[in-house]
Structures are given as C-alpha cells and as structure tokens.
N, C-alpha and C. Protein backbone atom coordinates (compact mmCIF):
# COMPACT_ATOMS: atom_id res chain seq x y z
N UNK A 1 0.87 -1.22 -0.06
CA UNK A 1 0.08 -0.21 0.04
C UNK A 1 0.88 1.14 -0.15
N UNK A 2 1.79 1.36 0.83
CA UNK A 2 2.54 2.55 0.97
C UNK A 2 4.08 1.99 0.56
N UNK A 3 4.62 2.88 -0.17
CA UNK A 3 6.20 2.72 -0.33
C UNK A 3 6.82 3.39 0.31
N UNK A 4 7.92 2.56 1.23
CA UNK A 4 8.61 3.47 2.28
C UNK A 4 10.04 3.54 1.29
N UNK A 5 10.10 3.76 -0.05
CA UNK A 5 11.46 4.42 -0.68
C UNK A 5 10.99 5.27 -1.64
N UNK A 6 11.90 6.35 -1.77
CA UNK A 6 11.21 7.13 -2.46
C UNK A 6 11.98 8.71 -2.00
N UNK A 7 11.62 9.53 -2.97
CA UNK A 7 11.96 10.98 -2.48
C UNK A 7 11.22 11.87 -1.06
N UNK A 8 10.12 11.28 -0.92
CA UNK A 8 9.24 11.88 0.21
C UNK A 8 9.88 11.28 1.38
N UNK A 9 9.80 10.07 1.73
CA UNK A 9 10.51 9.60 3.32
C UNK A 9 11.87 9.76 3.16
N UNK A 10 12.70 10.05 2.43
CA UNK A 10 14.06 10.26 2.35
C UNK A 10 14.27 11.47 2.63
N UNK A 11 13.81 12.48 2.19
CA UNK A 11 13.44 13.70 2.68
C UNK A 11 13.21 14.25 4.11
N UNK A 12 12.23 13.47 4.46
CA UNK A 12 11.48 13.59 5.65
C UNK A 12 12.38 13.05 6.66
N UNK A 13 13.09 11.97 6.56
CA UNK A 13 14.14 11.50 7.10
C UNK A 13 15.51 12.11 7.45
N UNK A 14 15.78 12.97 6.37
CA UNK A 14 16.89 13.67 6.53
C UNK A 14 16.68 15.03 7.46
N UNK A 15 15.82 15.51 7.00
CA UNK A 15 15.24 16.44 7.67
C UNK A 15 15.27 16.33 9.11
N UNK A 16 14.32 15.42 9.86
CA UNK A 16 14.37 15.07 11.31
C UNK A 16 15.88 15.07 12.05
N UNK A 17 16.48 14.05 10.76
CA UNK A 17 17.96 13.70 11.39
C UNK A 17 18.76 14.93 11.46
N UNK A 18 18.49 15.67 10.67
CA UNK A 18 19.61 16.99 10.22
C UNK A 18 19.03 17.82 11.58
N UNK A 19 17.92 18.10 11.92
CA UNK A 19 17.74 18.70 12.98
C UNK A 19 17.99 18.18 14.32
N UNK A 20 18.11 16.52 14.56
CA UNK A 20 18.37 16.22 15.70
C UNK A 20 19.93 15.89 15.84
N UNK A 21 20.60 15.98 14.93
CA UNK A 21 22.00 15.76 14.74
C UNK A 21 23.05 17.16 14.35
N UNK A 22 22.24 18.19 13.96
CA UNK A 22 22.76 19.29 13.58
C UNK A 22 23.61 20.13 14.45
N UNK A 23 23.87 19.54 15.73
CA UNK A 23 24.88 20.15 16.73
C UNK A 23 26.24 19.64 16.49
N UNK A 24 26.52 18.20 15.58
CA UNK A 24 27.63 17.42 15.56
C UNK A 24 28.01 18.06 13.99
N UNK A 25 29.11 18.82 14.09
CA UNK A 25 29.88 19.75 12.77
C UNK A 25 30.04 18.40 11.83
N UNK A 26 29.71 18.51 10.52
CA UNK A 26 30.11 17.59 9.83
C UNK A 26 29.17 16.38 9.83
N UNK A 27 29.62 15.53 10.71
CA UNK A 27 29.29 14.04 10.78
C UNK A 27 27.82 14.07 11.05
N UNK A 28 26.72 15.21 11.64
CA UNK A 28 25.75 14.95 11.85
C UNK A 28 25.05 14.87 10.69
N UNK A 29 24.75 16.15 9.82
CA UNK A 29 24.32 16.25 8.32
C UNK A 29 24.76 14.76 7.50
N UNK A 30 26.02 14.47 7.81
CA UNK A 30 26.37 13.54 6.72
C UNK A 30 25.53 11.98 7.23
N UNK A 31 25.41 11.56 8.43
CA UNK A 31 24.54 10.52 8.98
C UNK A 31 23.21 10.72 8.26
N UNK A 32 22.74 11.79 8.55
CA UNK A 32 21.43 12.25 7.96
C UNK A 32 21.06 12.30 6.53
N UNK A 33 22.17 12.12 5.83
CA UNK A 33 22.19 12.23 4.51
C UNK A 33 22.62 10.86 4.01
N UNK A 34 23.39 10.14 4.67
CA UNK A 34 23.22 8.58 4.48
C UNK A 34 22.06 7.87 4.85
N UNK A 35 21.44 7.99 5.91
CA UNK A 35 20.22 7.36 6.08
C UNK A 35 19.01 7.71 5.48
N UNK A 36 19.02 9.00 4.93
CA UNK A 36 18.09 9.34 3.72
C UNK A 36 18.44 8.87 2.63
N UNK A 37 19.75 8.65 2.04
CA UNK A 37 20.21 8.38 1.02
C UNK A 37 19.62 6.58 0.69
N UNK A 38 19.69 6.25 1.77
CA UNK A 38 19.63 4.69 1.99
C UNK A 38 17.88 4.44 1.87
N UNK A 39 17.16 5.57 2.14
CA UNK A 39 15.90 5.14 2.37
C UNK A 39 15.14 5.65 0.86
N UNK A 40 16.04 6.53 0.04
CA UNK A 40 15.71 6.99 -1.07
C UNK A 40 15.64 5.85 -2.02
N UNK A 41 16.25 5.35 -2.06
CA UNK A 41 16.65 3.71 -2.74
C UNK A 41 17.54 3.90 -3.93
N UNK A 42 17.92 5.39 -4.89
CA UNK A 42 18.90 5.62 -5.65
C UNK A 42 19.25 6.68 -5.37
N UNK A 43 20.43 6.96 -6.17
CA UNK A 43 21.57 8.12 -5.91
C UNK A 43 20.45 9.39 -6.52
N UNK A 44 20.01 9.47 -7.49
CA UNK A 44 19.26 10.66 -8.06
C UNK A 44 18.08 10.95 -7.18
N UNK A 45 17.29 10.17 -6.25
CA UNK A 45 16.26 10.36 -5.51
C UNK A 45 16.88 11.01 -4.33
N UNK A 46 17.85 10.47 -3.97
CA UNK A 46 18.55 10.86 -2.68
C UNK A 46 19.16 12.10 -2.68
N UNK A 47 19.80 12.77 -3.96
CA UNK A 47 20.06 14.04 -4.04
C UNK A 47 19.12 14.85 -4.22
N UNK A 48 18.12 14.79 -4.84
CA UNK A 48 16.71 15.51 -4.85
C UNK A 48 16.27 15.56 -3.75
N UNK A 49 16.13 14.60 -2.79
CA UNK A 49 15.78 14.66 -1.29
C UNK A 49 16.37 15.59 -0.42
N UNK A 50 17.80 15.69 -0.68
CA UNK A 50 18.82 16.36 0.06
C UNK A 50 18.53 17.78 -0.17
N UNK A 51 18.09 18.34 -1.14
CA UNK A 51 18.00 19.86 -1.78
C UNK A 51 16.51 20.19 -1.17
N UNK A 52 15.44 19.42 -1.12
CA UNK A 52 14.38 19.52 -0.54
C UNK A 52 14.19 20.67 0.59
N UNK A 53 14.77 19.95 1.80
CA UNK A 53 14.56 20.81 3.01
C UNK A 53 15.23 22.21 2.93
N UNK A 54 16.10 22.38 2.12
CA UNK A 54 17.02 23.97 2.01
C UNK A 54 15.98 24.75 1.31
N UNK A 55 15.42 24.26 0.30
CA UNK A 55 14.32 24.75 -0.65
C UNK A 55 13.21 25.49 0.15
N UNK A 56 12.71 24.03 1.04
CA UNK A 56 11.55 24.90 1.80
C UNK A 56 11.87 26.01 2.79
N UNK A 57 12.71 25.77 3.30
CA UNK A 57 13.50 26.91 4.43
C UNK A 57 13.40 28.29 3.49
N UNK A 58 14.21 28.33 2.22
CA UNK A 58 13.95 29.29 1.42
C UNK A 58 12.78 29.72 1.23
N UNK A 59 12.17 28.92 0.73
CA UNK A 59 10.77 29.56 0.39
C UNK A 59 10.06 30.27 1.44
N UNK A 60 9.92 29.27 2.79
CA UNK A 60 9.33 30.19 3.68
C UNK A 60 9.92 31.65 4.05
N UNK A 61 11.21 31.88 4.20
CA UNK A 61 11.85 32.78 4.21
C UNK A 61 11.45 34.08 3.16
N UNK A 62 11.31 33.62 1.83
CA UNK A 62 10.67 34.41 0.70
C UNK A 62 9.02 34.90 1.11
N UNK A 63 8.51 33.52 1.35
CA UNK A 63 6.75 34.07 2.04
C UNK A 63 6.68 35.13 2.88
N UNK A 64 7.63 34.96 3.92
CA UNK A 64 7.06 35.66 5.22
C UNK A 64 7.74 37.02 4.88
N UNK A 65 8.74 37.15 4.31
CA UNK A 65 9.36 38.52 3.84
C UNK A 65 8.64 39.32 2.87
N UNK A 66 7.51 38.48 2.06
CA UNK A 66 6.65 39.38 1.26
C UNK A 66 5.37 39.65 2.00
N UNK A 67 4.84 38.82 2.76
CA UNK A 67 3.81 38.99 3.46
C UNK A 67 4.00 39.96 4.45
N UNK A 68 5.02 40.34 4.81
CA UNK A 68 5.15 41.50 5.92
C UNK A 68 5.64 42.54 4.94
N UNK A 69 5.99 42.47 3.95
CA UNK A 69 6.00 43.89 3.07
C UNK A 69 7.04 44.26 2.60
N UNK A 70 8.06 43.41 2.88
CA UNK A 70 9.65 43.79 2.15
C UNK A 70 9.98 42.81 1.07
N UNK A 71 9.31 42.89 0.15
CA UNK A 71 10.31 41.78 -0.89
C UNK A 71 11.25 41.88 -1.40
N UNK A 72 11.87 42.95 -1.41
CA UNK A 72 13.29 43.18 -2.15
C UNK A 72 14.34 42.34 -1.20
N UNK A 73 13.99 42.77 0.21
CA UNK A 73 14.80 42.24 1.52
C UNK A 73 14.50 40.81 1.37
N UNK A 74 13.26 40.37 1.14
CA UNK A 74 12.92 38.69 1.25
C UNK A 74 13.69 37.87 0.38
N UNK A 75 13.79 38.66 -1.06
CA UNK A 75 14.41 38.19 -1.85
C UNK A 75 15.73 38.08 -2.00
N UNK A 76 16.50 39.00 -1.15
CA UNK A 76 18.12 38.94 -0.88
C UNK A 76 18.17 38.15 0.32
N UNK A 77 17.55 37.90 1.29
CA UNK A 77 17.55 37.27 2.36
C UNK A 77 17.59 35.88 2.15
N UNK A 78 16.44 35.42 1.22
CA UNK A 78 16.10 34.19 0.41
C UNK A 78 17.60 33.82 -0.11
N UNK A 79 17.89 34.60 -0.91
CA UNK A 79 18.94 34.18 -2.08
C UNK A 79 20.24 33.72 -1.02
N UNK A 80 20.29 34.81 -0.10
CA UNK A 80 21.65 34.59 0.57
C UNK A 80 21.30 33.51 1.69
N UNK A 81 20.31 33.11 2.03
CA UNK A 81 20.31 32.01 3.23
C UNK A 81 20.21 30.51 2.12
N UNK A 82 19.57 30.80 0.81
CA UNK A 82 19.78 29.33 0.16
C UNK A 82 21.62 29.28 -0.12
N UNK A 83 22.37 30.21 -0.22
CA UNK A 83 24.02 29.98 -0.25
C UNK A 83 24.42 29.53 0.56
N UNK A 84 23.87 29.83 1.96
CA UNK A 84 24.52 29.37 3.41
C UNK A 84 23.83 28.04 3.58
N UNK A 85 22.68 27.77 3.34
CA UNK A 85 22.04 26.39 3.18
C UNK A 85 22.77 25.36 2.49
N UNK A 86 23.17 25.86 1.18
CA UNK A 86 23.88 24.94 -0.01
C UNK A 86 25.04 24.60 0.79
N UNK A 87 25.81 25.80 1.16
CA UNK A 87 27.24 25.28 1.53
C UNK A 87 27.30 24.32 2.88
N UNK A 88 26.26 24.72 3.92
CA UNK A 88 26.03 23.82 4.98
C UNK A 88 25.21 22.48 4.64
N UNK A 89 24.56 22.36 3.64
CA UNK A 89 23.92 21.29 2.94
C UNK A 89 25.16 20.12 2.39
N UNK A 90 26.23 20.59 2.20
CA UNK A 90 27.29 19.72 1.47
C UNK A 90 27.39 18.41 1.96
N UNK A 91 27.81 18.45 3.48
CA UNK A 91 28.03 16.76 3.71
C UNK A 91 26.69 16.30 4.05
N UNK A 92 25.39 17.10 3.97
CA UNK A 92 24.24 16.23 3.75
C UNK A 92 24.02 15.49 2.52
N UNK A 93 24.27 16.47 1.12
CA UNK A 93 24.59 16.05 -0.24
C UNK A 93 25.77 14.79 -0.28
N UNK A 94 26.76 15.06 0.11
CA UNK A 94 27.92 14.02 0.24
C UNK A 94 27.14 12.66 0.92
N UNK A 95 26.38 12.69 1.99
CA UNK A 95 25.75 11.59 2.74
C UNK A 95 24.68 10.90 2.05
N UNK A 96 23.89 11.56 0.99
CA UNK A 96 22.66 11.22 0.63
C UNK A 96 23.39 10.60 -0.51
N UNK A 97 24.60 10.98 -1.34
CA UNK A 97 25.23 10.54 -2.51
C UNK A 97 25.49 8.82 -2.08
N UNK A 98 26.38 9.04 -1.18
CA UNK A 98 26.61 7.59 -0.45
C UNK A 98 25.72 6.61 -0.33
N UNK A 99 24.48 7.32 0.71
CA UNK A 99 23.77 6.30 0.92
C UNK A 99 22.89 5.75 -0.46
N UNK A 100 22.78 6.90 -1.31
CA UNK A 100 22.00 6.19 -2.51
C UNK A 100 22.75 5.09 -3.32
N UNK A 101 24.23 5.54 -3.42
CA UNK A 101 24.93 4.52 -4.18
C UNK A 101 24.92 2.92 -3.18
N UNK A 102 25.08 3.18 -2.00
CA UNK A 102 24.95 1.85 -1.30
C UNK A 102 23.40 0.94 -1.35
N UNK A 103 22.54 1.97 -1.69
CA UNK A 103 21.10 1.29 -1.63
C UNK A 103 20.89 0.50 -2.88
N UNK A 104 21.40 1.53 -3.88
CA UNK A 104 21.73 0.49 -5.34
C UNK A 104 22.33 -0.24 -5.37
N UNK A 105 23.27 -0.65 -4.72
CA UNK A 105 24.31 -1.75 -4.82
C UNK A 105 23.48 -3.00 -3.98
N UNK A 106 22.60 -2.60 -3.00
CA UNK A 106 21.92 -3.35 -2.01
C UNK A 106 20.78 -4.12 -3.02
N UNK A 107 19.90 -3.30 -3.69
CA UNK A 107 18.97 -3.67 -4.60
C UNK A 107 19.38 -4.32 -5.73
N UNK A 108 20.13 -3.62 -6.51
CA UNK A 108 20.69 -4.28 -7.90
C UNK A 108 21.66 -5.29 -7.97
C-alpha cells in the first residue's frame, strides 16, 4: 500500500535527523544524508531529497518577507540563506550520495 522508498520518505528522514544531529559539525548532516540516501533507494532520488529541506526553508523566508511587506529584502535574504544552506548542506549531499549508492548496490 505505502512505498517506504523514494524522495518523500528520504527527505523527511534527512530533515528530522539533520535537526536532531545538527549540533555535530559535518558528521551529523552526513549521517542524516546517508540514512536518507538509503531510504531513497537510488542516488538521483537521494540528491533530490537532500535539496528539498533547503528549498523549503528558503521559500518560507521569501513568503514571510513578502507577507510582511519587504519583497526586495525577502529576495536578498532568501538568496543569501539559500547559499548558506547549500554550503552547509554539502555534508548532507555527500551522505545522500553515498547512501544512494549503497542502496542501489543492495537492491541491484
């Protein structure tokens, strides 16, 4: 009935584990990415799932900025936050890549 592999469960695992393990520099997000990559089932899905939490945070900053009435500031803050999240998400992406690779080898 429910598929436990794919982008949806993978990004949810990554998001929750990144929040819980975020206090451990580099290793925490890498573990979250690896577990999410295993859950994704393949490398492509794992990498997509690793980008989704960052995109959601950026979208929320943009929406909140435009609702408050500062669209220019929201665009600049959203773009800056996206770059910061992207650089901070490198361990998450690396872990997702490795987890997706391991998951592909286990299945195939």
